[in-house]
Every structure is written in structure tokens, then in C-alpha cells.
Amino acid sequence: MVSAAKRPPFHEQLRSATHGVHVRLNRHPLLSQLTRPALDLSTYTLILERYWCFYNAAEAVIRECISEGMSTFEYGARYKTDWLAQDLSCLGFKPVANGCFRNGPDFRRPRNEAELVGMLYPLEGSTLGGQVISNRLGTTLGLDATNGGRFFNGYGEQTGRYWAEFLDYGDRSLRTPDELDLACRFSQQLFARFEAHIDGRV
């Protein structure tokens, strides 16, 4: 259990709890291609397909939780599945028509708001690294938010503001050490699920 004494901000504890799998994902043979000069459209499309499958399944769970009143956090503008579908469409790929939906992972539904925060943390945090990838995609493939790079462009110039709003929400939602522990465990599970999905193990 996390001690309440001199507790650092919640995102620092979640970052520490997920550090190991985060490092592995950054070094993943497929995902690491995103920032390499040799990235080609075929590999990029494969990555987007796997992301779409994952986000489509994850965001269906998030929509359900929010619609049932688990959280009042305004998430409407943050759903990212449509961004991925837009990018895939630009590259000539239709995820549902190509059967990608059948390959999406199953998720354990958050039981409370603390676990929901833990689920949202990796998805929102990914928009920070997405800015770096977005810049690389412009250089390597000539892509931007209008022609296949919408997902990694994320919130664009508003990324800092959106991240700050999420951090404020997390700080307000995780009021006790037990709630923080729940969020940390759920983030770890989501990262591990994503890693397994990228590896093709689920």
C-alpha cells in the first residue's frame, strides 16, 4: 500500500508503477519503428491496425463506464478510435471490413473511478509521446493530421492543456492510498494487455 505521508503526485506514482513495461514498449521491435528513418507505409499501417483494435475495445469500455455515471470527467473530445480509423482510411484500410474488430482484446471493466483513472492514464499519457512521433512521421513519411497522421498528432497544440486537465481530474479522484493503489494496478494491467496485443498474444 502507498503511504499517505509525503505522497508524490498521482501521475508520478503511476509512472513509476508502469515504468518497466513502458520501457519495453519503447524498445518493442514493431513500435520502435515509428521513430526510425526506415519506417515504411506498410509497417506504419500494421501499427495503426493494431492500435485501432486495442483502442476500439478499450474505448467501448470507457464509454460504458462514463455513460453509467462512474465519472463526470468530460471525455467526449478525447476518444481516439475515430482518429485511427481516419488514418487507416487515408492509407486505404477499412478496419471493420478487414476483420480487425474480431481481433480486439477483451478488457476487465473498471469497478470504480480509481480503476477508471488507472485505465485512462496510459491512453492520455500516450498523447505526450505522440507529439514526438508525429514530428517524425512528417519527416519520414510526409504525414500530418490530414493525410494519415491524425492519431499521433493527438490534441496538437492543445496537448499540454489536455494533459493538465487530466492530471487535475486524477488528483481530485484519487483521494486515498487505497484508491491510488487501485489506479496503479489497473494501469499496469492495461499496459501489459497492450504489450500482449502488440505481440499478438491476445
C-alpha atoms as a PDB file:
ATOM      1  CA  MET A   1       0.000   0.000   0.000  1.00  0.00           C
ATOM      2  CA  VAL A   2       1.210   3.522  -0.818  1.00  0.00           C
ATOM      3  CA  SER A   3       1.982   5.590   2.259  1.00  0.00           C
ATOM      4  CA  ALA A   4      -0.069   8.758   2.655  1.00  0.00           C
ATOM      5  CA  ALA A   5       2.938  10.581   4.121  1.00  0.00           C
ATOM      6  CA  LYS A   6       4.657  12.898   1.659  1.00  0.00           C
ATOM      7  CA  ARG A   7       2.829  11.219  -1.190  1.00  0.00           C
ATOM      8  CA  PRO A   8       4.038  12.482  -4.597  1.00  0.00           C
ATOM      9  CA  PRO A   9       1.510  13.489  -7.281  1.00  0.00           C
ATOM     10  CA  PHE A  10      -0.540  10.539  -8.508  1.00  0.00           C
ATOM     11  CA  HIS A  11       0.931  10.580 -12.016  1.00  0.00           C
ATOM     12  CA  GLU A  12       4.453  10.209 -10.641  1.00  0.00           C
ATOM     13  CA  GLN A  13       3.399   7.067  -8.800  1.00  0.00           C
ATOM     14  CA  LEU A  14       1.589   5.673 -11.840  1.00  0.00           C
ATOM     15  CA  ARG A  15       4.622   6.446 -13.994  1.00  0.00           C
ATOM     16  CA  SER A  16       6.858   4.603 -11.532  1.00  0.00           C
ATOM     17  CA  ALA A  17       4.465   1.649 -11.322  1.00  0.00           C
ATOM     18  CA  THR A  18       4.369   1.275 -15.126  1.00  0.00           C
ATOM     19  CA  HIS A  19       7.995   2.147 -15.866  1.00  0.00           C
ATOM     20  CA  GLY A  20       9.149  -1.361 -16.729  1.00  0.00           C
ATOM     21  CA  VAL A  21       6.511  -2.145 -19.332  1.00  0.00           C
ATOM     22  CA  HIS A  22       6.736   1.403 -20.688  1.00  0.00           C
ATOM     23  CA  VAL A  23      10.446   0.908 -21.380  1.00  0.00           C
ATOM     24  CA  ARG A  24       9.756  -2.443 -23.048  1.00  0.00           C
ATOM     25  CA  LEU A  25       7.169  -0.858 -25.331  1.00  0.00           C
ATOM     26  CA  ASN A  26       9.546   1.924 -26.326  1.00  0.00           C
ATOM     27  CA  ARG A  27      12.052  -0.755 -27.336  1.00  0.00           C
ATOM     28  CA  HIS A  28       9.497  -3.079 -28.931  1.00  0.00           C
ATOM     29  CA  PRO A  29      10.678  -4.343 -32.361  1.00  0.00           C
ATOM     30  CA  LEU A  30       7.497  -3.107 -34.044  1.00  0.00           C
ATOM     31  CA  LEU A  31       6.693   0.079 -32.128  1.00  0.00           C
ATOM     32  CA  SER A  32      10.286   1.335 -32.153  1.00  0.00           C
ATOM     33  CA  GLN A  33       9.995   1.566 -35.955  1.00  0.00           C
ATOM     34  CA  LEU A  34       7.806   4.641 -35.518  1.00  0.00           C
ATOM     35  CA  THR A  35      10.792   6.866 -34.788  1.00  0.00           C
ATOM     36  CA  ARG A  36      13.255   5.289 -37.204  1.00  0.00           C
ATOM     37  CA  PRO A  37      14.138   6.792 -40.597  1.00  0.00           C
ATOM     38  CA  ALA A  38      13.494   3.454 -42.339  1.00  0.00           C
ATOM     39  CA  LEU A  39       9.788   3.361 -41.367  1.00  0.00           C
ATOM     40  CA  ASP A  40       7.646   2.436 -44.388  1.00  0.00           C
ATOM     41  CA  LEU A  41       3.912   2.751 -45.020  1.00  0.00           C
ATOM     42  CA  SER A  42       3.318  -0.996 -44.748  1.00  0.00           C
ATOM     43  CA  THR A  43       4.790  -1.160 -41.239  1.00  0.00           C
ATOM     44  CA  TYR A  44       3.035   2.045 -40.220  1.00  0.00           C
ATOM     45  CA  THR A  45      -0.305   0.674 -41.415  1.00  0.00           C
ATOM     46  CA  LEU A  46       0.229  -2.530 -39.428  1.00  0.00           C
ATOM     47  CA  ILE A  47       0.919  -0.492 -36.292  1.00  0.00           C
ATOM     48  CA  LEU A  48      -2.198   1.615 -36.821  1.00  0.00           C
ATOM     49  CA  GLU A  49      -4.280  -1.523 -37.319  1.00  0.00           C
ATOM     50  CA  ARG A  50      -3.145  -2.959 -34.010  1.00  0.00           C
ATOM     51  CA  TYR A  51      -3.700   0.358 -32.268  1.00  0.00           C
ATOM     52  CA  TRP A  52      -7.209   0.587 -33.733  1.00  0.00           C
ATOM     53  CA  CYS A  53      -8.124  -2.872 -32.464  1.00  0.00           C
ATOM     54  CA  PHE A  54      -6.882  -2.009 -28.990  1.00  0.00           C
ATOM     55  CA  TYR A  55      -8.414   1.454 -28.721  1.00  0.00           C
ATOM     56  CA  ASN A  56     -11.719   0.334 -30.210  1.00  0.00           C
ATOM     57  CA  ALA A  57     -12.109  -2.267 -27.473  1.00  0.00           C
ATOM     58  CA  ALA A  58     -10.748  -0.056 -24.672  1.00  0.00           C
ATOM     59  CA  GLU A  59     -12.860   2.958 -25.527  1.00  0.00           C
ATOM     60  CA  ALA A  60     -16.034   0.869 -25.683  1.00  0.00           C
ATOM     61  CA  VAL A  61     -15.389   0.054 -22.004  1.00  0.00           C
ATOM     62  CA  ILE A  62     -14.668   3.705 -21.181  1.00  0.00           C
ATOM     63  CA  ARG A  63     -17.881   4.874 -22.873  1.00  0.00           C
ATOM     64  CA  GLU A  64     -19.858   2.342 -20.875  1.00  0.00           C
ATOM     65  CA  CYS A  65     -18.306   3.419 -17.572  1.00  0.00           C
ATOM     66  CA  ILE A  66     -18.903   7.109 -18.209  1.00  0.00           C
ATOM     67  CA  SER A  67     -22.449   6.600 -19.515  1.00  0.00           C
ATOM     68  CA  GLU A  68     -23.292   4.728 -16.312  1.00  0.00           C
ATOM     69  CA  GLY A  69     -22.102   7.645 -14.176  1.00  0.00           C
ATOM     70  CA  MET A  70     -18.838   6.205 -12.869  1.00  0.00           C
ATOM     71  CA  SER A  71     -17.175   9.537 -13.653  1.00  0.00           C
ATOM     72  CA  THR A  72     -18.205  13.060 -14.628  1.00  0.00           C
ATOM     73  CA  PHE A  73     -14.899  13.683 -16.418  1.00  0.00           C
ATOM     74  CA  GLU A  74     -15.582  15.190 -19.840  1.00  0.00           C
ATOM     75  CA  TYR A  75     -14.039  12.645 -22.194  1.00  0.00           C
ATOM     76  CA  GLY A  76     -16.022  13.307 -25.370  1.00  0.00           C
ATOM     77  CA  ALA A  77     -13.255  15.059 -27.303  1.00  0.00           C
ATOM     78  CA  ARG A  78     -10.647  12.542 -26.132  1.00  0.00           C
ATOM     79  CA  TYR A  79     -11.865   9.379 -27.878  1.00  0.00           C
ATOM     80  CA  LYS A  80      -9.206   8.321 -30.340  1.00  0.00           C
ATOM     81  CA  THR A  81     -10.614   5.329 -32.247  1.00  0.00           C
ATOM     82  CA  ASP A  82     -12.054   7.581 -34.947  1.00  0.00           C
ATOM     83  CA  TRP A  83      -8.653   9.230 -35.409  1.00  0.00           C
ATOM     84  CA  LEU A  84      -7.129   5.827 -36.097  1.00  0.00           C
ATOM     85  CA  ALA A  85      -9.950   4.921 -38.481  1.00  0.00           C
ATOM     86  CA  GLN A  86      -9.354   8.208 -40.306  1.00  0.00           C
ATOM     87  CA  ASP A  87      -5.650   7.448 -40.676  1.00  0.00           C
ATOM     88  CA  LEU A  88      -6.289   3.907 -41.868  1.00  0.00           C
ATOM     89  CA  SER A  89      -8.831   5.182 -44.368  1.00  0.00           C
ATOM     90  CA  CYS A  90      -6.239   7.592 -45.771  1.00  0.00           C
ATOM     91  CA  LEU A  91      -3.955   4.580 -46.247  1.00  0.00           C
ATOM     92  CA  GLY A  92      -6.670   2.509 -47.924  1.00  0.00           C
ATOM     93  CA  PHE A  93      -7.512   0.279 -44.968  1.00  0.00           C
ATOM     94  CA  LYS A  94     -11.005  -0.249 -43.518  1.00  0.00           C
ATOM     95  CA  PRO A  95     -10.568  -1.888 -40.092  1.00  0.00           C
ATOM     96  CA  VAL A  96     -14.084  -3.335 -39.702  1.00  0.00           C
ATOM     97  CA  ALA A  97     -14.284  -4.511 -43.296  1.00  0.00           C
ATOM     98  CA  ASN A  98     -10.854  -6.143 -42.999  1.00  0.00           C
ATOM     99  CA  GLY A  99     -11.881  -8.076 -39.909  1.00  0.00           C
ATOM    100  CA  CYS A 100      -9.708  -6.180 -37.434  1.00  0.00           C
ATOM    101  CA  PHE A 101     -12.597  -5.895 -34.971  1.00  0.00           C
ATOM    102  CA  ARG A 102     -12.625  -9.638 -34.400  1.00  0.00           C
ATOM    103  CA  ASN A 103      -9.025  -9.471 -33.212  1.00  0.00           C
ATOM    104  CA  GLY A 104      -9.562  -6.867 -30.500  1.00  0.00           C
ATOM    105  CA  PRO A 105      -8.579  -7.757 -26.916  1.00  0.00           C
ATOM    106  CA  ASP A 106     -11.030  -8.200 -24.057  1.00  0.00           C
ATOM    107  CA  PHE A 107     -10.780  -5.841 -21.096  1.00  0.00           C
ATOM    108  CA  ARG A 108     -11.728  -6.174 -17.485  1.00  0.00           C
ATOM    109  CA  ARG A 109     -14.170  -3.383 -16.765  1.00  0.00           C
ATOM    110  CA  PRO A 110     -13.106  -0.862 -14.096  1.00  0.00           C
ATOM    111  CA  ARG A 111     -15.107  -1.404 -10.912  1.00  0.00           C
ATOM    112  CA  ASN A 112     -14.779   2.167  -9.639  1.00  0.00           C
ATOM    113  CA  GLU A 113     -13.461   5.594 -10.557  1.00  0.00           C
ATOM    114  CA  ALA A 114      -9.965   4.885  -9.232  1.00  0.00           C
ATOM    115  CA  GLU A 115      -9.582   1.997 -11.660  1.00  0.00           C
ATOM    116  CA  LEU A 116     -11.027   4.141 -14.436  1.00  0.00           C
ATOM    117  CA  VAL A 117      -8.328   6.746 -13.771  1.00  0.00           C
ATOM    118  CA  GLY A 118      -5.791   3.922 -14.000  1.00  0.00           C
ATOM    119  CA  MET A 119      -7.241   2.894 -17.358  1.00  0.00           C
ATOM    120  CA  LEU A 120      -7.210   6.434 -18.731  1.00  0.00           C
ATOM    121  CA  TYR A 121      -3.685   7.237 -17.591  1.00  0.00           C
ATOM    122  CA  PRO A 122      -1.815   5.240 -20.302  1.00  0.00           C
ATOM    123  CA  LEU A 123      -4.204   6.405 -23.025  1.00  0.00           C
ATOM    124  CA  GLU A 124      -3.905  10.079 -22.136  1.00  0.00           C
ATOM    125  CA  GLY A 125      -0.196   9.875 -21.376  1.00  0.00           C
ATOM    126  CA  SER A 126       0.428   8.413 -24.819  1.00  0.00           C
ATOM    127  CA  THR A 127      -0.527  11.742 -26.387  1.00  0.00           C
ATOM    128  CA  LEU A 128       2.675  13.261 -24.987  1.00  0.00           C
ATOM    129  CA  GLY A 129       4.952  10.807 -26.766  1.00  0.00           C
ATOM    130  CA  GLY A 130       2.654  11.023 -29.754  1.00  0.00           C
ATOM    131  CA  GLN A 131       3.861  14.557 -30.382  1.00  0.00           C
ATOM    132  CA  VAL A 132       7.401  13.281 -30.907  1.00  0.00           C
ATOM    133  CA  ILE A 133       6.178  10.516 -33.206  1.00  0.00           C
ATOM    134  CA  SER A 134       4.005  12.970 -35.125  1.00  0.00           C
ATOM    135  CA  ASN A 135       7.027  15.105 -35.927  1.00  0.00           C
ATOM    136  CA  ARG A 136       8.954  12.040 -37.083  1.00  0.00           C
ATOM    137  CA  LEU A 137       6.093  10.917 -39.331  1.00  0.00           C
ATOM    138  CA  GLY A 138       6.184  14.262 -41.075  1.00  0.00           C
ATOM    139  CA  THR A 139       9.856  13.760 -41.811  1.00  0.00           C
ATOM    140  CA  THR A 140       9.894  10.066 -42.722  1.00  0.00           C
ATOM    141  CA  LEU A 141       6.546   9.603 -44.484  1.00  0.00           C
ATOM    142  CA  GLY A 142       5.313  13.125 -45.142  1.00  0.00           C
ATOM    143  CA  LEU A 143       2.246  12.550 -42.963  1.00  0.00           C
ATOM    144  CA  ASP A 144       0.312  15.073 -40.922  1.00  0.00           C
ATOM    145  CA  ALA A 145      -3.091  15.222 -39.246  1.00  0.00           C
ATOM    146  CA  THR A 146      -4.844  15.451 -42.619  1.00  0.00           C
ATOM    147  CA  ASN A 147      -3.313  12.561 -44.564  1.00  0.00           C
ATOM    148  CA  GLY A 148      -2.648   9.664 -42.194  1.00  0.00           C
ATOM    149  CA  GLY A 149      -1.079  11.151 -39.063  1.00  0.00           C
ATOM    150  CA  ARG A 150      -4.173  12.229 -37.135  1.00  0.00           C
ATOM    151  CA  PHE A 151      -3.815   9.775 -34.231  1.00  0.00           C
ATOM    152  CA  PHE A 152      -0.259  10.628 -33.270  1.00  0.00           C
ATOM    153  CA  ASN A 153      -0.947  14.339 -33.727  1.00  0.00           C
ATOM    154  CA  GLY A 154      -3.421  13.867 -30.879  1.00  0.00           C
ATOM    155  CA  TYR A 155      -4.501  17.163 -29.364  1.00  0.00           C
ATOM    156  CA  GLY A 156      -1.859  19.073 -31.304  1.00  0.00           C
ATOM    157  CA  GLU A 157      -1.023  22.414 -29.749  1.00  0.00           C
ATOM    158  CA  GLN A 158      -3.586  21.739 -27.021  1.00  0.00           C
ATOM    159  CA  THR A 159      -1.782  18.617 -25.753  1.00  0.00           C
ATOM    160  CA  GLY A 160      -0.348  20.379 -22.713  1.00  0.00           C
ATOM    161  CA  ARG A 161      -3.739  21.744 -21.694  1.00  0.00           C
ATOM    162  CA  TYR A 162      -5.494  18.401 -22.117  1.00  0.00           C
ATOM    163  CA  TRP A 163      -2.811  16.643 -20.072  1.00  0.00           C
ATOM    164  CA  ALA A 164      -3.038  19.239 -17.302  1.00  0.00           C
ATOM    165  CA  GLU A 165      -6.826  18.796 -17.163  1.00  0.00           C
ATOM    166  CA  PHE A 166      -6.427  15.038 -16.861  1.00  0.00           C
ATOM    167  CA  LEU A 167      -3.860  15.421 -14.078  1.00  0.00           C
ATOM    168  CA  ASP A 168      -6.244  17.705 -12.197  1.00  0.00           C
ATOM    169  CA  TYR A 169      -9.000  15.130 -12.599  1.00  0.00           C
ATOM    170  CA  GLY A 170      -6.755  12.332 -11.345  1.00  0.00           C
ATOM    171  CA  ASP A 171      -5.640  14.332  -8.331  1.00  0.00           C
ATOM    172  CA  ARG A 172      -9.270  15.007  -7.407  1.00  0.00           C
ATOM    173  CA  SER A 173     -10.353  11.409  -7.951  1.00  0.00           C
ATOM    174  CA  LEU A 174      -7.596   9.533  -6.114  1.00  0.00           C
ATOM    175  CA  ARG A 175      -8.125  10.725  -2.571  1.00  0.00           C
ATOM    176  CA  THR A 176      -6.748   7.816  -0.556  1.00  0.00           C
ATOM    177  CA  PRO A 177      -3.714   5.497  -0.728  1.00  0.00           C
ATOM    178  CA  ASP A 178      -6.032   2.567  -1.483  1.00  0.00           C
ATOM    179  CA  GLU A 179      -7.540   4.390  -4.461  1.00  0.00           C
ATOM    180  CA  LEU A 180      -4.067   5.186  -5.754  1.00  0.00           C
ATOM    181  CA  ASP A 181      -3.093   1.530  -5.420  1.00  0.00           C
ATOM    182  CA  LEU A 182      -6.159   0.520  -7.448  1.00  0.00           C
ATOM    183  CA  ALA A 183      -5.243   3.009 -10.167  1.00  0.00           C
ATOM    184  CA  CYS A 184      -1.636   1.802 -10.286  1.00  0.00           C
ATOM    185  CA  ARG A 185      -2.650  -1.828 -10.608  1.00  0.00           C
ATOM    186  CA  PHE A 186      -5.162  -1.103 -13.341  1.00  0.00           C
ATOM    187  CA  SER A 187      -2.615   0.933 -15.321  1.00  0.00           C
ATOM    188  CA  GLN A 188      -0.139  -1.928 -15.045  1.00  0.00           C
ATOM    189  CA  GLN A 189      -2.759  -4.348 -16.333  1.00  0.00           C
ATOM    190  CA  LEU A 190      -3.653  -2.097 -19.259  1.00  0.00           C
ATOM    191  CA  PHE A 191      -0.019  -1.634 -20.274  1.00  0.00           C
ATOM    192  CA  ALA A 192       0.516  -5.397 -20.053  1.00  0.00           C
ATOM    193  CA  ARG A 193      -2.614  -6.009 -22.116  1.00  0.00           C
ATOM    194  CA  PHE A 194      -1.396  -3.605 -24.765  1.00  0.00           C
ATOM    195  CA  GLU A 195       2.013  -5.246 -24.861  1.00  0.00           C
ATOM    196  CA  ALA A 196       0.431  -8.672 -25.284  1.00  0.00           C
ATOM    197  CA  HIS A 197      -1.852  -7.326 -28.026  1.00  0.00           C
ATOM    198  CA  ILE A 198       1.040  -5.785 -29.953  1.00  0.00           C
ATOM    199  CA  ASP A 199       2.896  -9.087 -29.624  1.00  0.00           C
ATOM    200  CA  GLY A 200      -0.150 -10.934 -30.970  1.00  0.00           C
ATOM    201  CA  ARG A 201      -0.539 -12.943 -27.754  1.00  0.00           C
ATOM    202  CA  VAL A 202      -4.188 -11.887 -27.225  1.00  0.00           C
END
